[in-house]
Amino acid sequence: MRTAFCSITKNRHLYMVKEAAYAKRKSVIAFLNKMADLILLNLIFLLCCIPVVTIGPAITALYAVSLRSVRYGDGYVIQTFSGRLSRILNSLFVVGMIGLLFVCLLVIDLFFWRNVGIFSCPYL
């Protein structure tokens, strides 16, 4: 009877040790999965920023997907990012073009005043 009790407690102890090791591995694997998702999300973001006019919608989609990933733990980064980008692209494309127009006007204005000589700043 005593031998059976010892084997049960020994088996229970081994089970608890294995369970603790599994919990540690599970947390490490969850962390590595989250890091891989964020790296993949940033690579997709960089690819979407190659055309200059899509930087605004790409930043907005990156923010939305990373927030969703942190809150809900979604692992579908590519599908979520492409869905958000396609929804945001239509509305923010016009805003991005207006912002790009303002930047172009500022650069043209800077070159104009620099060549005229009135704007004599040595750093520009």
PDB file of N, CA and C in Angstrom:
ATOM      1  N   MET A   1       0.819  -1.180   0.000  1.00  0.00           N
ATOM      2  CA  MET A   1       0.000   0.000   0.000  1.00  0.00           C
ATOM      3  C   MET A   1       0.870   1.254   0.000  1.00  0.00           C
ATOM      4  N   ARG A   2       1.910   1.229   0.795  1.00  0.00           N
ATOM      5  CA  ARG A   2       2.804   2.379   0.875  1.00  0.00           C
ATOM      6  C   ARG A   2       3.519   2.589  -0.444  1.00  0.00           C
ATOM      7  N   THR A   3       3.877   1.559  -1.159  1.00  0.00           N
ATOM      8  CA  THR A   3       4.550   1.663  -2.435  1.00  0.00           C
ATOM      9  C   THR A   3       3.628   2.306  -3.474  1.00  0.00           C
ATOM     10  N   ALA A   4       2.387   1.972  -3.432  1.00  0.00           N
ATOM     11  CA  ALA A   4       1.436   2.547  -4.385  1.00  0.00           C
ATOM     12  C   ALA A   4       1.269   4.037  -4.123  1.00  0.00           C
ATOM     13  N   PHE A   5       1.217   4.434  -2.837  1.00  0.00           N
ATOM     14  CA  PHE A   5       1.084   5.851  -2.502  1.00  0.00           C
ATOM     15  C   PHE A   5       2.314   6.635  -2.944  1.00  0.00           C
ATOM     16  N   CYS A   6       3.492   6.059  -2.763  1.00  0.00           N
ATOM     17  CA  CYS A   6       4.723   6.735  -3.181  1.00  0.00           C
ATOM     18  C   CYS A   6       4.779   6.890  -4.693  1.00  0.00           C
ATOM     19  N   SER A   7       4.361   5.879  -5.419  1.00  0.00           N
ATOM     20  CA  SER A   7       4.398   5.986  -6.873  1.00  0.00           C
ATOM     21  C   SER A   7       3.384   7.010  -7.378  1.00  0.00           C
ATOM     22  N   ILE A   8       2.247   7.137  -6.702  1.00  0.00           N
ATOM     23  CA  ILE A   8       1.243   8.128  -7.102  1.00  0.00           C
ATOM     24  C   ILE A   8       1.773   9.537  -6.858  1.00  0.00           C
ATOM     25  N   THR A   9       2.369   9.775  -5.695  1.00  0.00           N
ATOM     26  CA  THR A   9       2.904  11.106  -5.413  1.00  0.00           C
ATOM     27  C   THR A   9       4.084  11.426  -6.317  1.00  0.00           C
ATOM     28  N   LYS A  10       4.885  10.414  -6.611  1.00  0.00           N
ATOM     29  CA  LYS A  10       6.024  10.638  -7.509  1.00  0.00           C
ATOM     30  C   LYS A  10       5.528  10.970  -8.908  1.00  0.00           C
ATOM     31  N   ASN A  11       4.509  10.264  -9.382  1.00  0.00           N
ATOM     32  CA  ASN A  11       3.941  10.552 -10.700  1.00  0.00           C
ATOM     33  C   ASN A  11       3.286  11.936 -10.728  1.00  0.00           C
ATOM     34  N   ARG A  12       2.636  12.297  -9.623  1.00  0.00           N
ATOM     35  CA  ARG A  12       2.012  13.623  -9.560  1.00  0.00           C
ATOM     36  C   ARG A  12       3.081  14.717  -9.583  1.00  0.00           C
ATOM     37  N   HIS A  13       4.162  14.498  -8.876  1.00  0.00           N
ATOM     38  CA  HIS A  13       5.266  15.461  -8.862  1.00  0.00           C
ATOM     39  C   HIS A  13       5.873  15.609 -10.259  1.00  0.00           C
ATOM     40  N   LEU A  14       6.093  14.500 -10.952  1.00  0.00           N
ATOM     41  CA  LEU A  14       6.628  14.556 -12.312  1.00  0.00           C
ATOM     42  C   LEU A  14       5.671  15.284 -13.242  1.00  0.00           C
ATOM     43  N   TYR A  15       4.361  15.045 -13.055  1.00  0.00           N
ATOM     44  CA  TYR A  15       3.372  15.730 -13.874  1.00  0.00           C
ATOM     45  C   TYR A  15       3.423  17.229 -13.638  1.00  0.00           C
ATOM     46  N   MET A  16       3.562  17.651 -12.385  1.00  0.00           N
ATOM     47  CA  MET A  16       3.611  19.074 -12.064  1.00  0.00           C
ATOM     48  C   MET A  16       4.876  19.719 -12.619  1.00  0.00           C
ATOM     49  N   VAL A  17       6.003  19.018 -12.577  1.00  0.00           N
ATOM     50  CA  VAL A  17       7.245  19.546 -13.129  1.00  0.00           C
ATOM     51  C   VAL A  17       7.131  19.696 -14.639  1.00  0.00           C
ATOM     52  N   LYS A  18       6.561  18.692 -15.298  1.00  0.00           N
ATOM     53  CA  LYS A  18       6.374  18.770 -16.752  1.00  0.00           C
ATOM     54  C   LYS A  18       5.414  19.901 -17.116  1.00  0.00           C
ATOM     55  N   GLU A  19       4.373  20.077 -16.308  1.00  0.00           N
ATOM     56  CA  GLU A  19       3.401  21.134 -16.566  1.00  0.00           C
ATOM     57  C   GLU A  19       4.046  22.517 -16.405  1.00  0.00           C
ATOM     58  N   ALA A  20       4.904  22.695 -15.419  1.00  0.00           N
ATOM     59  CA  ALA A  20       5.582  23.968 -15.212  1.00  0.00           C
ATOM     60  C   ALA A  20       6.549  24.256 -16.361  1.00  0.00           C
ATOM     61  N   ALA A  21       7.254  23.235 -16.823  1.00  0.00           N
ATOM     62  CA  ALA A  21       8.164  23.423 -17.954  1.00  0.00           C
ATOM     63  C   ALA A  21       7.382  23.761 -19.217  1.00  0.00           C
ATOM     64  N   TYR A  22       6.224  23.125 -19.398  1.00  0.00           N
ATOM     65  CA  TYR A  22       5.391  23.418 -20.560  1.00  0.00           C
ATOM     66  C   TYR A  22       4.866  24.849 -20.504  1.00  0.00           C
ATOM     67  N   ALA A  23       4.496  25.332 -19.322  1.00  0.00           N
ATOM     68  CA  ALA A  23       3.999  26.698 -19.185  1.00  0.00           C
ATOM     69  C   ALA A  23       5.094  27.703 -19.530  1.00  0.00           C
ATOM     70  N   LYS A  24       6.337  27.432 -19.130  1.00  0.00           N
ATOM     71  CA  LYS A  24       7.443  28.327 -19.473  1.00  0.00           C
ATOM     72  C   LYS A  24       7.677  28.339 -20.978  1.00  0.00           C
ATOM     73  N   ARG A  25       7.666  27.148 -21.585  1.00  0.00           N
ATOM     74  CA  ARG A  25       7.858  27.076 -23.042  1.00  0.00           C
ATOM     75  C   ARG A  25       6.716  27.767 -23.773  1.00  0.00           C
ATOM     76  N   LYS A  26       5.512  27.622 -23.255  1.00  0.00           N
ATOM     77  CA  LYS A  26       4.355  28.238 -23.893  1.00  0.00           C
ATOM     78  C   LYS A  26       4.460  29.755 -23.883  1.00  0.00           C
ATOM     79  N   SER A  27       4.924  30.332 -22.784  1.00  0.00           N
ATOM     80  CA  SER A  27       5.058  31.782 -22.733  1.00  0.00           C
ATOM     81  C   SER A  27       6.171  32.268 -23.648  1.00  0.00           C
ATOM     82  N   VAL A  28       7.258  31.513 -23.751  1.00  0.00           N
ATOM     83  CA  VAL A  28       8.351  31.892 -24.665  1.00  0.00           C
ATOM     84  C   VAL A  28       7.880  31.812 -26.107  1.00  0.00           C
ATOM     85  N   ILE A  29       7.146  30.769 -26.436  1.00  0.00           N
ATOM     86  CA  ILE A  29       6.652  30.610 -27.808  1.00  0.00           C
ATOM     87  C   ILE A  29       5.630  31.699 -28.139  1.00  0.00           C
ATOM     88  N   ALA A  30       4.783  32.068 -27.181  1.00  0.00           N
ATOM     89  CA  ALA A  30       3.823  33.158 -27.413  1.00  0.00           C
ATOM     90  C   ALA A  30       4.552  34.470 -27.656  1.00  0.00           C
ATOM     91  N   PHE A  31       5.606  34.731 -26.888  1.00  0.00           N
ATOM     92  CA  PHE A  31       6.398  35.945 -27.083  1.00  0.00           C
ATOM     93  C   PHE A  31       7.056  35.954 -28.458  1.00  0.00           C
ATOM     94  N   LEU A  32       7.635  34.824 -28.862  1.00  0.00           N
ATOM     95  CA  LEU A  32       8.289  34.756 -30.171  1.00  0.00           C
ATOM     96  C   LEU A  32       7.276  34.902 -31.307  1.00  0.00           C
ATOM     97  N   ASN A  33       6.089  34.346 -31.137  1.00  0.00           N
ATOM     98  CA  ASN A  33       5.046  34.519 -32.153  1.00  0.00           C
ATOM     99  C   ASN A  33       4.630  35.976 -32.283  1.00  0.00           C
ATOM    100  N   LYS A  34       4.510  36.666 -31.146  1.00  0.00           N
ATOM    101  CA  LYS A  34       4.136  38.083 -31.175  1.00  0.00           C
ATOM    102  C   LYS A  34       5.217  38.919 -31.854  1.00  0.00           C
ATOM    103  N   MET A  35       6.486  38.613 -31.560  1.00  0.00           N
ATOM    104  CA  MET A  35       7.592  39.337 -32.189  1.00  0.00           C
ATOM    105  C   MET A  35       7.630  39.071 -33.695  1.00  0.00           C
ATOM    106  N   ALA A  36       7.395  37.836 -34.102  1.00  0.00           N
ATOM    107  CA  ALA A  36       7.377  37.513 -35.531  1.00  0.00           C
ATOM    108  C   ALA A  36       6.231  38.248 -36.231  1.00  0.00           C
ATOM    109  N   ASP A  37       5.072  38.337 -35.576  1.00  0.00           N
ATOM    110  CA  ASP A  37       3.949  39.079 -36.154  1.00  0.00           C
ATOM    111  C   ASP A  37       4.287  40.557 -36.323  1.00  0.00           C
ATOM    112  N   LEU A  38       4.941  41.151 -35.333  1.00  0.00           N
ATOM    113  CA  LEU A  38       5.299  42.568 -35.425  1.00  0.00           C
ATOM    114  C   LEU A  38       6.362  42.817 -36.490  1.00  0.00           C
ATOM    115  N   ILE A  39       7.323  41.903 -36.626  1.00  0.00           N
ATOM    116  CA  ILE A  39       8.344  42.050 -37.668  1.00  0.00           C
ATOM    117  C   ILE A  39       7.700  41.946 -39.042  1.00  0.00           C
ATOM    118  N   LEU A  40       6.809  40.973 -39.210  1.00  0.00           N
ATOM    119  CA  LEU A  40       6.112  40.811 -40.487  1.00  0.00           C
ATOM    120  C   LEU A  40       5.238  42.032 -40.790  1.00  0.00           C
ATOM    121  N   LEU A  41       4.581  42.561 -39.776  1.00  0.00           N
ATOM    122  CA  LEU A  41       3.751  43.752 -39.959  1.00  0.00           C
ATOM    123  C   LEU A  41       4.593  44.944 -40.392  1.00  0.00           C
ATOM    124  N   ASN A  42       5.758  45.123 -39.806  1.00  0.00           N
ATOM    125  CA  ASN A  42       6.626  46.237 -40.188  1.00  0.00           C
ATOM    126  C   ASN A  42       7.186  46.067 -41.596  1.00  0.00           C
ATOM    127  N   LEU A  43       7.479  44.841 -42.000  1.00  0.00           N
ATOM    128  CA  LEU A  43       7.949  44.618 -43.377  1.00  0.00           C
ATOM    129  C   LEU A  43       6.858  44.942 -44.395  1.00  0.00           C
ATOM    130  N   ILE A  44       5.638  44.532 -44.099  1.00  0.00           N
ATOM    131  CA  ILE A  44       4.521  44.852 -44.994  1.00  0.00           C
ATOM    132  C   ILE A  44       4.302  46.361 -45.048  1.00  0.00           C
ATOM    133  N   PHE A  45       4.438  47.013 -43.892  1.00  0.00           N
ATOM    134  CA  PHE A  45       4.299  48.465 -43.841  1.00  0.00           C
ATOM    135  C   PHE A  45       5.359  49.140 -44.710  1.00  0.00           C
ATOM    136  N   LEU A  46       6.594  48.686 -44.638  1.00  0.00           N
ATOM    137  CA  LEU A  46       7.652  49.279 -45.463  1.00  0.00           C
ATOM    138  C   LEU A  46       7.390  49.069 -46.945  1.00  0.00           C
ATOM    139  N   LEU A  47       6.852  47.916 -47.311  1.00  0.00           N
ATOM    140  CA  LEU A  47       6.507  47.680 -48.720  1.00  0.00           C
ATOM    141  C   LEU A  47       5.386  48.608 -49.184  1.00  0.00           C
ATOM    142  N   CYS A  48       4.443  48.873 -48.303  1.00  0.00           N
ATOM    143  CA  CYS A  48       3.339  49.758 -48.682  1.00  0.00           C
ATOM    144  C   CYS A  48       3.757  51.219 -48.695  1.00  0.00           C
ATOM    145  N   CYS A  49       4.880  51.561 -48.074  1.00  0.00           N
ATOM    146  CA  CYS A  49       5.343  52.948 -48.057  1.00  0.00           C
ATOM    147  C   CYS A  49       6.232  53.287 -49.242  1.00  0.00           C
ATOM    148  N   ILE A  50       6.506  52.337 -50.115  1.00  0.00           N
ATOM    149  CA  ILE A  50       7.343  52.626 -51.286  1.00  0.00           C
ATOM    150  C   ILE A  50       6.688  53.689 -52.159  1.00  0.00           C
ATOM    151  N   PRO A  51       5.399  53.564 -52.533  1.00  0.00           N
ATOM    152  CA  PRO A  51       4.778  54.722 -53.185  1.00  0.00           C
ATOM    153  C   PRO A  51       4.499  55.789 -52.129  1.00  0.00           C
ATOM    154  N   VAL A  52       4.944  56.988 -52.361  1.00  0.00           N
ATOM    155  CA  VAL A  52       4.896  58.044 -51.347  1.00  0.00           C
ATOM    156  C   VAL A  52       3.467  58.398 -50.957  1.00  0.00           C
ATOM    157  N   VAL A  53       2.536  58.285 -51.879  1.00  0.00           N
ATOM    158  CA  VAL A  53       1.162  58.710 -51.591  1.00  0.00           C
ATOM    159  C   VAL A  53       0.439  57.761 -50.643  1.00  0.00           C
ATOM    160  N   THR A  54       0.973  56.572 -50.404  1.00  0.00           N
ATOM    161  CA  THR A  54       0.289  55.625 -49.515  1.00  0.00           C
ATOM    162  C   THR A  54       0.891  55.594 -48.118  1.00  0.00           C
ATOM    163  N   ILE A  55       1.759  56.548 -47.788  1.00  0.00           N
ATOM    164  CA  ILE A  55       2.371  56.536 -46.458  1.00  0.00           C
ATOM    165  C   ILE A  55       1.330  56.796 -45.372  1.00  0.00           C
ATOM    166  N   GLY A  56       0.459  57.759 -45.578  1.00  0.00           N
ATOM    167  CA  GLY A  56      -0.571  58.082 -44.581  1.00  0.00           C
ATOM    168  C   GLY A  56      -1.502  56.914 -44.287  1.00  0.00           C
ATOM    169  N   PRO A  57      -2.124  56.318 -45.311  1.00  0.00           N
ATOM    170  CA  PRO A  57      -2.974  55.163 -45.044  1.00  0.00           C
ATOM    171  C   PRO A  57      -2.206  53.965 -44.481  1.00  0.00           C
ATOM    172  N   ALA A  58      -0.946  53.793 -44.881  1.00  0.00           N
ATOM    173  CA  ALA A  58      -0.162  52.676 -44.359  1.00  0.00           C
ATOM    174  C   ALA A  58       0.130  52.866 -42.874  1.00  0.00           C
ATOM    175  N   ILE A  59       0.417  54.090 -42.453  1.00  0.00           N
ATOM    176  CA  ILE A  59       0.652  54.354 -41.030  1.00  0.00           C
ATOM    177  C   ILE A  59      -0.629  54.109 -40.227  1.00  0.00           C
ATOM    178  N   THR A  60      -1.755  54.539 -40.766  1.00  0.00           N
ATOM    179  CA  THR A  60      -3.024  54.339 -40.078  1.00  0.00           C
ATOM    180  C   THR A  60      -3.364  52.857 -39.956  1.00  0.00           C
ATOM    181  N   ALA A  61      -3.152  52.094 -41.030  1.00  0.00           N
ATOM    182  CA  ALA A  61      -3.412  50.658 -40.991  1.00  0.00           C
ATOM    183  C   ALA A  61      -2.445  49.953 -40.042  1.00  0.00           C
ATOM    184  N   LEU A  62      -1.180  50.373 -40.032  1.00  0.00           N
ATOM    185  CA  LEU A  62      -0.196  49.794 -39.110  1.00  0.00           C
ATOM    186  C   LEU A  62      -0.622  50.010 -37.669  1.00  0.00           C
ATOM    187  N   TYR A  63      -1.052  51.212 -37.351  1.00  0.00           N
ATOM    188  CA  TYR A  63      -1.493  51.512 -35.993  1.00  0.00           C
ATOM    189  C   TYR A  63      -2.712  50.676 -35.609  1.00  0.00           C
ATOM    190  N   ALA A  64      -3.688  50.584 -36.516  1.00  0.00           N
ATOM    191  CA  ALA A  64      -4.911  49.841 -36.217  1.00  0.00           C
ATOM    192  C   ALA A  64      -4.628  48.351 -36.017  1.00  0.00           C
ATOM    193  N   VAL A  65      -3.785  47.780 -36.868  1.00  0.00           N
ATOM    194  CA  VAL A  65      -3.494  46.347 -36.772  1.00  0.00           C
ATOM    195  C   VAL A  65      -2.639  46.042 -35.548  1.00  0.00           C
ATOM    196  N   SER A  66      -1.674  46.894 -35.245  1.00  0.00           N
ATOM    197  CA  SER A  66      -0.848  46.633 -34.065  1.00  0.00           C
ATOM    198  C   SER A  66      -1.664  46.775 -32.785  1.00  0.00           C
ATOM    199  N   LEU A  67      -2.598  47.734 -32.735  1.00  0.00           N
ATOM    200  CA  LEU A  67      -3.468  47.867 -31.580  1.00  0.00           C
ATOM    201  C   LEU A  67      -4.363  46.644 -31.432  1.00  0.00           C
ATOM    202  N   ARG A  68      -4.898  46.165 -32.544  1.00  0.00           N
ATOM    203  CA  ARG A  68      -5.752  44.975 -32.501  1.00  0.00           C
ATOM    204  C   ARG A  68      -4.957  43.747 -32.080  1.00  0.00           C
ATOM    205  N   SER A  69      -3.726  43.664 -32.542  1.00  0.00           N
ATOM    206  CA  SER A  69      -2.881  42.527 -32.183  1.00  0.00           C
ATOM    207  C   SER A  69      -2.547  42.523 -30.697  1.00  0.00           C
ATOM    208  N   VAL A  70      -2.315  43.692 -30.135  1.00  0.00           N
ATOM    209  CA  VAL A  70      -2.002  43.775 -28.710  1.00  0.00           C
ATOM    210  C   VAL A  70      -3.236  43.485 -27.865  1.00  0.00           C
ATOM    211  N   ARG A  71      -4.381  44.024 -28.266  1.00  0.00           N
ATOM    212  CA  ARG A  71      -5.595  43.848 -27.469  1.00  0.00           C
ATOM    213  C   ARG A  71      -6.162  42.442 -27.552  1.00  0.00           C
ATOM    214  N   TYR A  72      -6.282  41.913 -28.762  1.00  0.00           N
ATOM    215  CA  TYR A  72      -6.988  40.655 -28.952  1.00  0.00           C
ATOM    216  C   TYR A  72      -6.079  39.479 -29.275  1.00  0.00           C
ATOM    217  N   GLY A  73      -4.824  39.722 -29.566  1.00  0.00           N
ATOM    218  CA  GLY A  73      -3.899  38.637 -29.858  1.00  0.00           C
ATOM    219  C   GLY A  73      -4.135  37.970 -31.196  1.00  0.00           C
ATOM    220  N   ASP A  74      -4.638  38.712 -32.164  1.00  0.00           N
ATOM    221  CA  ASP A  74      -4.870  38.134 -33.484  1.00  0.00           C
ATOM    222  C   ASP A  74      -3.550  37.761 -34.128  1.00  0.00           C
ATOM    223  N   GLY A  75      -3.520  36.650 -34.829  1.00  0.00           N
ATOM    224  CA  GLY A  75      -2.321  36.235 -35.511  1.00  0.00           C
ATOM    225  C   GLY A  75      -2.384  36.460 -37.011  1.00  0.00           C
ATOM    226  N   TYR A  76      -3.491  36.982 -37.504  1.00  0.00           N
ATOM    227  CA  TYR A  76      -3.669  37.175 -38.932  1.00  0.00           C
ATOM    228  C   TYR A  76      -3.268  38.598 -39.300  1.00  0.00           C
ATOM    229  N   VAL A  77      -1.980  38.826 -39.383  1.00  0.00           N
ATOM    230  CA  VAL A  77      -1.470  40.179 -39.572  1.00  0.00           C
ATOM    231  C   VAL A  77      -1.644  40.633 -41.019  1.00  0.00           C
ATOM    232  N   ILE A  78      -1.315  39.793 -41.966  1.00  0.00           N
ATOM    233  CA  ILE A  78      -1.349  40.183 -43.375  1.00  0.00           C
ATOM    234  C   ILE A  78      -2.782  40.456 -43.822  1.00  0.00           C
ATOM    235  N   GLN A  79      -3.698  39.555 -43.482  1.00  0.00           N
ATOM    236  CA  GLN A  79      -5.080  39.744 -43.904  1.00  0.00           C
ATOM    237  C   GLN A  79      -5.690  40.984 -43.258  1.00  0.00           C
ATOM    238  N   THR A  80      -5.417  41.184 -41.975  1.00  0.00           N
ATOM    239  CA  THR A  80      -5.975  42.338 -41.287  1.00  0.00           C
ATOM    240  C   THR A  80      -5.401  43.640 -41.837  1.00  0.00           C
ATOM    241  N   PHE A  81      -4.083  43.654 -42.089  1.00  0.00           N
ATOM    242  CA  PHE A  81      -3.449  44.864 -42.613  1.00  0.00           C
ATOM    243  C   PHE A  81      -3.974  45.196 -44.004  1.00  0.00           C
ATOM    244  N   SER A  82      -4.099  44.191 -44.874  1.00  0.00           N
ATOM    245  CA  SER A  82      -4.579  44.476 -46.230  1.00  0.00           C
ATOM    246  C   SER A  82      -6.034  44.917 -46.215  1.00  0.00           C
ATOM    247  N   GLY A  83      -6.846  44.351 -45.340  1.00  0.00           N
ATOM    248  CA  GLY A  83      -8.238  44.782 -45.231  1.00  0.00           C
ATOM    249  C   GLY A  83      -8.364  46.210 -44.735  1.00  0.00           C
ATOM    250  N   ARG A  84      -7.600  46.528 -43.692  1.00  0.00           N
ATOM    251  CA  ARG A  84      -7.621  47.895 -43.162  1.00  0.00           C
ATOM    252  C   ARG A  84      -7.084  48.892 -44.186  1.00  0.00           C
ATOM    253  N   LEU A  85      -6.013  48.512 -44.872  1.00  0.00           N
ATOM    254  CA  LEU A  85      -5.409  49.418 -45.850  1.00  0.00           C
ATOM    255  C   LEU A  85      -6.367  49.698 -46.995  1.00  0.00           C
ATOM    256  N   SER A  86      -7.066  48.672 -47.458  1.00  0.00           N
ATOM    257  CA  SER A  86      -8.000  48.907 -48.568  1.00  0.00           C
ATOM    258  C   SER A  86      -9.173  49.780 -48.139  1.00  0.00           C
ATOM    259  N   ARG A  87      -9.629  49.641 -46.876  1.00  0.00           N
ATOM    260  CA  ARG A  87     -10.715  50.500 -46.403  1.00  0.00           C
ATOM    261  C   ARG A  87     -10.249  51.936 -46.195  1.00  0.00           C
ATOM    262  N   ILE A  88      -9.039  52.096 -45.690  1.00  0.00           N
ATOM    263  CA  ILE A  88      -8.533  53.423 -45.357  1.00  0.00           C
ATOM    264  C   ILE A  88      -8.016  54.147 -46.598  1.00  0.00           C
ATOM    265  N   LEU A  89      -7.537  53.398 -47.568  1.00  0.00           N
ATOM    266  CA  LEU A  89      -6.877  53.988 -48.732  1.00  0.00           C
ATOM    267  C   LEU A  89      -7.778  54.941 -49.492  1.00  0.00           C
ATOM    268  N   ASN A  90      -9.021  54.588 -49.649  1.00  0.00           N
ATOM    269  CA  ASN A  90      -9.936  55.444 -50.410  1.00  0.00           C
ATOM    270  C   ASN A  90     -10.156  56.793 -49.738  1.00  0.00           C
ATOM    271  N   SER A  91     -10.318  56.789 -48.433  1.00  0.00           N
ATOM    272  CA  SER A  91     -10.615  58.055 -47.761  1.00  0.00           C
ATOM    273  C   SER A  91      -9.365  58.890 -47.521  1.00  0.00           C
ATOM    274  N   LEU A  92      -8.247  58.253 -47.191  1.00  0.00           N
ATOM    275  CA  LEU A  92      -7.044  59.018 -46.881  1.00  0.00           C
ATOM    276  C   LEU A  92      -6.184  59.332 -48.102  1.00  0.00           C
ATOM    277  N   PHE A  93      -6.508  58.769 -49.240  1.00  0.00           N
ATOM    278  CA  PHE A  93      -5.734  59.057 -50.444  1.00  0.00           C
ATOM    279  C   PHE A  93      -5.861  60.536 -50.812  1.00  0.00           C
ATOM    280  N   VAL A  94      -7.059  61.061 -50.725  1.00  0.00           N
ATOM    281  CA  VAL A  94      -7.288  62.475 -51.050  1.00  0.00           C
ATOM    282  C   VAL A  94      -6.557  63.365 -50.045  1.00  0.00           C
ATOM    283  N   VAL A  95      -6.619  63.016 -48.774  1.00  0.00           N
ATOM    284  CA  VAL A  95      -5.935  63.801 -47.744  1.00  0.00           C
ATOM    285  C   VAL A  95      -4.421  63.742 -47.955  1.00  0.00           C
ATOM    286  N   GLY A  96      -3.901  62.573 -48.302  1.00  0.00           N
ATOM    287  CA  GLY A  96      -2.472  62.430 -48.568  1.00  0.00           C
ATOM    288  C   GLY A  96      -2.022  63.233 -49.770  1.00  0.00           C
ATOM    289  N   MET A  97      -2.845  63.290 -50.804  1.00  0.00           N
ATOM    290  CA  MET A  97      -2.499  64.080 -51.982  1.00  0.00           C
ATOM    291  C   MET A  97      -2.494  65.578 -51.653  1.00  0.00           C
ATOM    292  N   ILE A  98      -3.440  66.019 -50.840  1.00  0.00           N
ATOM    293  CA  ILE A  98      -3.450  67.427 -50.429  1.00  0.00           C
ATOM    294  C   ILE A  98      -2.208  67.741 -49.601  1.00  0.00           C
ATOM    295  N   GLY A  99      -1.831  66.857 -48.696  1.00  0.00           N
ATOM    296  CA  GLY A  99      -0.616  67.063 -47.907  1.00  0.00           C
ATOM    297  C   GLY A  99       0.631  67.069 -48.764  1.00  0.00           C
ATOM    298  N   LEU A 100       0.697  66.180 -49.751  1.00  0.00           N
ATOM    299  CA  LEU A 100       1.828  66.149 -50.671  1.00  0.00           C
ATOM    300  C   LEU A 100       1.889  67.424 -51.504  1.00  0.00           C
ATOM    301  N   LEU A 101       0.734  67.949 -51.889  1.00  0.00           N
ATOM    302  CA  LEU A 101       0.689  69.214 -52.619  1.00  0.00           C
ATOM    303  C   LEU A 101       1.233  70.362 -51.769  1.00  0.00           C
ATOM    304  N   PHE A 102       0.858  70.415 -50.491  1.00  0.00           N
ATOM    305  CA  PHE A 102       1.388  71.443 -49.600  1.00  0.00           C
ATOM    306  C   PHE A 102       2.893  71.326 -49.423  1.00  0.00           C
ATOM    307  N   VAL A 103       3.403  70.122 -49.293  1.00  0.00           N
ATOM    308  CA  VAL A 103       4.854  69.929 -49.150  1.00  0.00           C
ATOM    309  C   VAL A 103       5.571  70.387 -50.415  1.00  0.00           C
ATOM    310  N   CYS A 104       5.020  70.041 -51.585  1.00  0.00           N
ATOM    311  CA  CYS A 104       5.625  70.482 -52.852  1.00  0.00           C
ATOM    312  C   CYS A 104       5.615  72.013 -52.965  1.00  0.00           C
ATOM    313  N   LEU A 105       4.521  72.637 -52.568  1.00  0.00           N
ATOM    314  CA  LEU A 105       4.458  74.100 -52.606  1.00  0.00           C
ATOM    315  C   LEU A 105       5.476  74.729 -51.655  1.00  0.00           C
ATOM    316  N   LEU A 106       5.661  74.152 -50.490  1.00  0.00           N
ATOM    317  CA  LEU A 106       6.656  74.668 -49.555  1.00  0.00           C
ATOM    318  C   LEU A 106       8.076  74.535 -50.096  1.00  0.00           C
ATOM    319  N   VAL A 107       8.373  73.423 -50.745  1.00  0.00           N
ATOM    320  CA  VAL A 107       9.707  73.224 -51.316  1.00  0.00           C
ATOM    321  C   VAL A 107       9.935  74.203 -52.468  1.00  0.00           C
ATOM    322  N   ILE A 108       8.934  74.376 -53.329  1.00  0.00           N
ATOM    323  CA  ILE A 108       9.063  75.329 -54.436  1.00  0.00           C
ATOM    324  C   ILE A 108       9.238  76.744 -53.900  1.00  0.00           C
ATOM    325  N   ASP A 109       8.470  77.096 -52.862  1.00  0.00           N
ATOM    326  CA  ASP A 109       8.595  78.410 -52.246  1.00  0.00           C
ATOM    327  C   ASP A 109       9.983  78.606 -51.636  1.00  0.00           C
ATOM    328  N   LEU A 110      10.506  77.587 -51.000  1.00  0.00           N
ATOM    329  CA  LEU A 110      11.839  77.665 -50.410  1.00  0.00           C
ATOM    330  C   LEU A 110      12.900  77.901 -51.478  1.00  0.00           C
ATOM    331  N   PHE A 111      12.837  77.144 -52.567  1.00  0.00           N
ATOM    332  CA  PHE A 111      13.806  77.336 -53.653  1.00  0.00           C
ATOM    333  C   PHE A 111      13.655  78.707 -54.308  1.00  0.00           C
ATOM    334  N   PHE A 112      12.430  79.189 -54.442  1.00  0.00           N
ATOM    335  CA  PHE A 112      12.211  80.495 -55.042  1.00  0.00           C
ATOM    336  C   PHE A 112      12.853  81.596 -54.203  1.00  0.00           C
ATOM    337  N   TRP A 113      12.558  81.638 -52.910  1.00  0.00           N
ATOM    338  CA  TRP A 113      13.088  82.694 -52.059  1.00  0.00           C
ATOM    339  C   TRP A 113      14.591  82.560 -51.854  1.00  0.00           C
ATOM    340  N   ARG A 114      15.102  81.367 -51.956  1.00  0.00           N
ATOM    341  CA  ARG A 114      16.547  81.179 -51.847  1.00  0.00           C
ATOM    342  C   ARG A 114      17.258  81.719 -53.084  1.00  0.00           C
ATOM    343  N   ASN A 115      16.688  81.507 -54.258  1.00  0.00           N
ATOM    344  CA  ASN A 115      17.296  81.985 -55.502  1.00  0.00           C
ATOM    345  C   ASN A 115      17.129  83.492 -55.693  1.00  0.00           C
ATOM    346  N   VAL A 116      16.061  84.057 -55.124  1.00  0.00           N
ATOM    347  CA  VAL A 116      15.858  85.498 -55.231  1.00  0.00           C
ATOM    348  C   VAL A 116      16.902  86.224 -54.391  1.00  0.00           C
ATOM    349  N   GLY A 117      17.301  85.670 -53.273  1.00  0.00           N
ATOM    350  CA  GLY A 117      18.324  86.281 -52.437  1.00  0.00           C
ATOM    351  C   GLY A 117      17.779  87.005 -51.242  1.00  0.00           C
ATOM    352  N   ILE A 118      16.465  87.127 -51.131  1.00  0.00           N
ATOM    353  CA  ILE A 118      15.873  87.796 -49.981  1.00  0.00           C
ATOM    354  C   ILE A 118      15.986  86.902 -48.754  1.00  0.00           C
ATOM    355  N   PHE A 119      15.812  85.645 -48.970  1.00  0.00           N
ATOM    356  CA  PHE A 119      15.867  84.669 -47.891  1.00  0.00           C
ATOM    357  C   PHE A 119      17.304  84.204 -47.753  1.00  0.00           C
ATOM    358  N   SER A 120      18.097  84.911 -46.983  1.00  0.00           N
ATOM    359  CA  SER A 120      19.528  84.627 -46.924  1.00  0.00           C
ATOM    360  C   SER A 120      19.883  83.860 -45.652  1.00  0.00           C
ATOM    361  N   CYS A 121      19.443  82.661 -45.556  1.00  0.00           N
ATOM    362  CA  CYS A 121      19.791  81.810 -44.436  1.00  0.00           C
ATOM    363  C   CYS A 121      20.900  80.865 -44.903  1.00  0.00           C
ATOM    364  N   PRO A 122      22.038  80.840 -44.243  1.00  0.00           N
ATOM    365  CA  PRO A 122      23.154  80.021 -44.735  1.00  0.00           C
ATOM    366  C   PRO A 122      22.907  78.527 -44.566  1.00  0.00           C
ATOM    367  N   TYR A 123      21.945  78.136 -43.765  1.00  0.00           N
ATOM    368  CA  TYR A 123      21.714  76.715 -43.521  1.00  0.00           C
ATOM    369  C   TYR A 123      20.814  76.070 -44.561  1.00  0.00           C
ATOM    370  N   LEU A 124      20.133  76.852 -45.373  1.00  0.00           N
ATOM    371  CA  LEU A 124      19.244  76.304 -46.389  1.00  0.00           C
ATOM    372  C   LEU A 124      19.862  76.471 -47.700  1.00  0.00           C
TER     373      LEU A 124
END
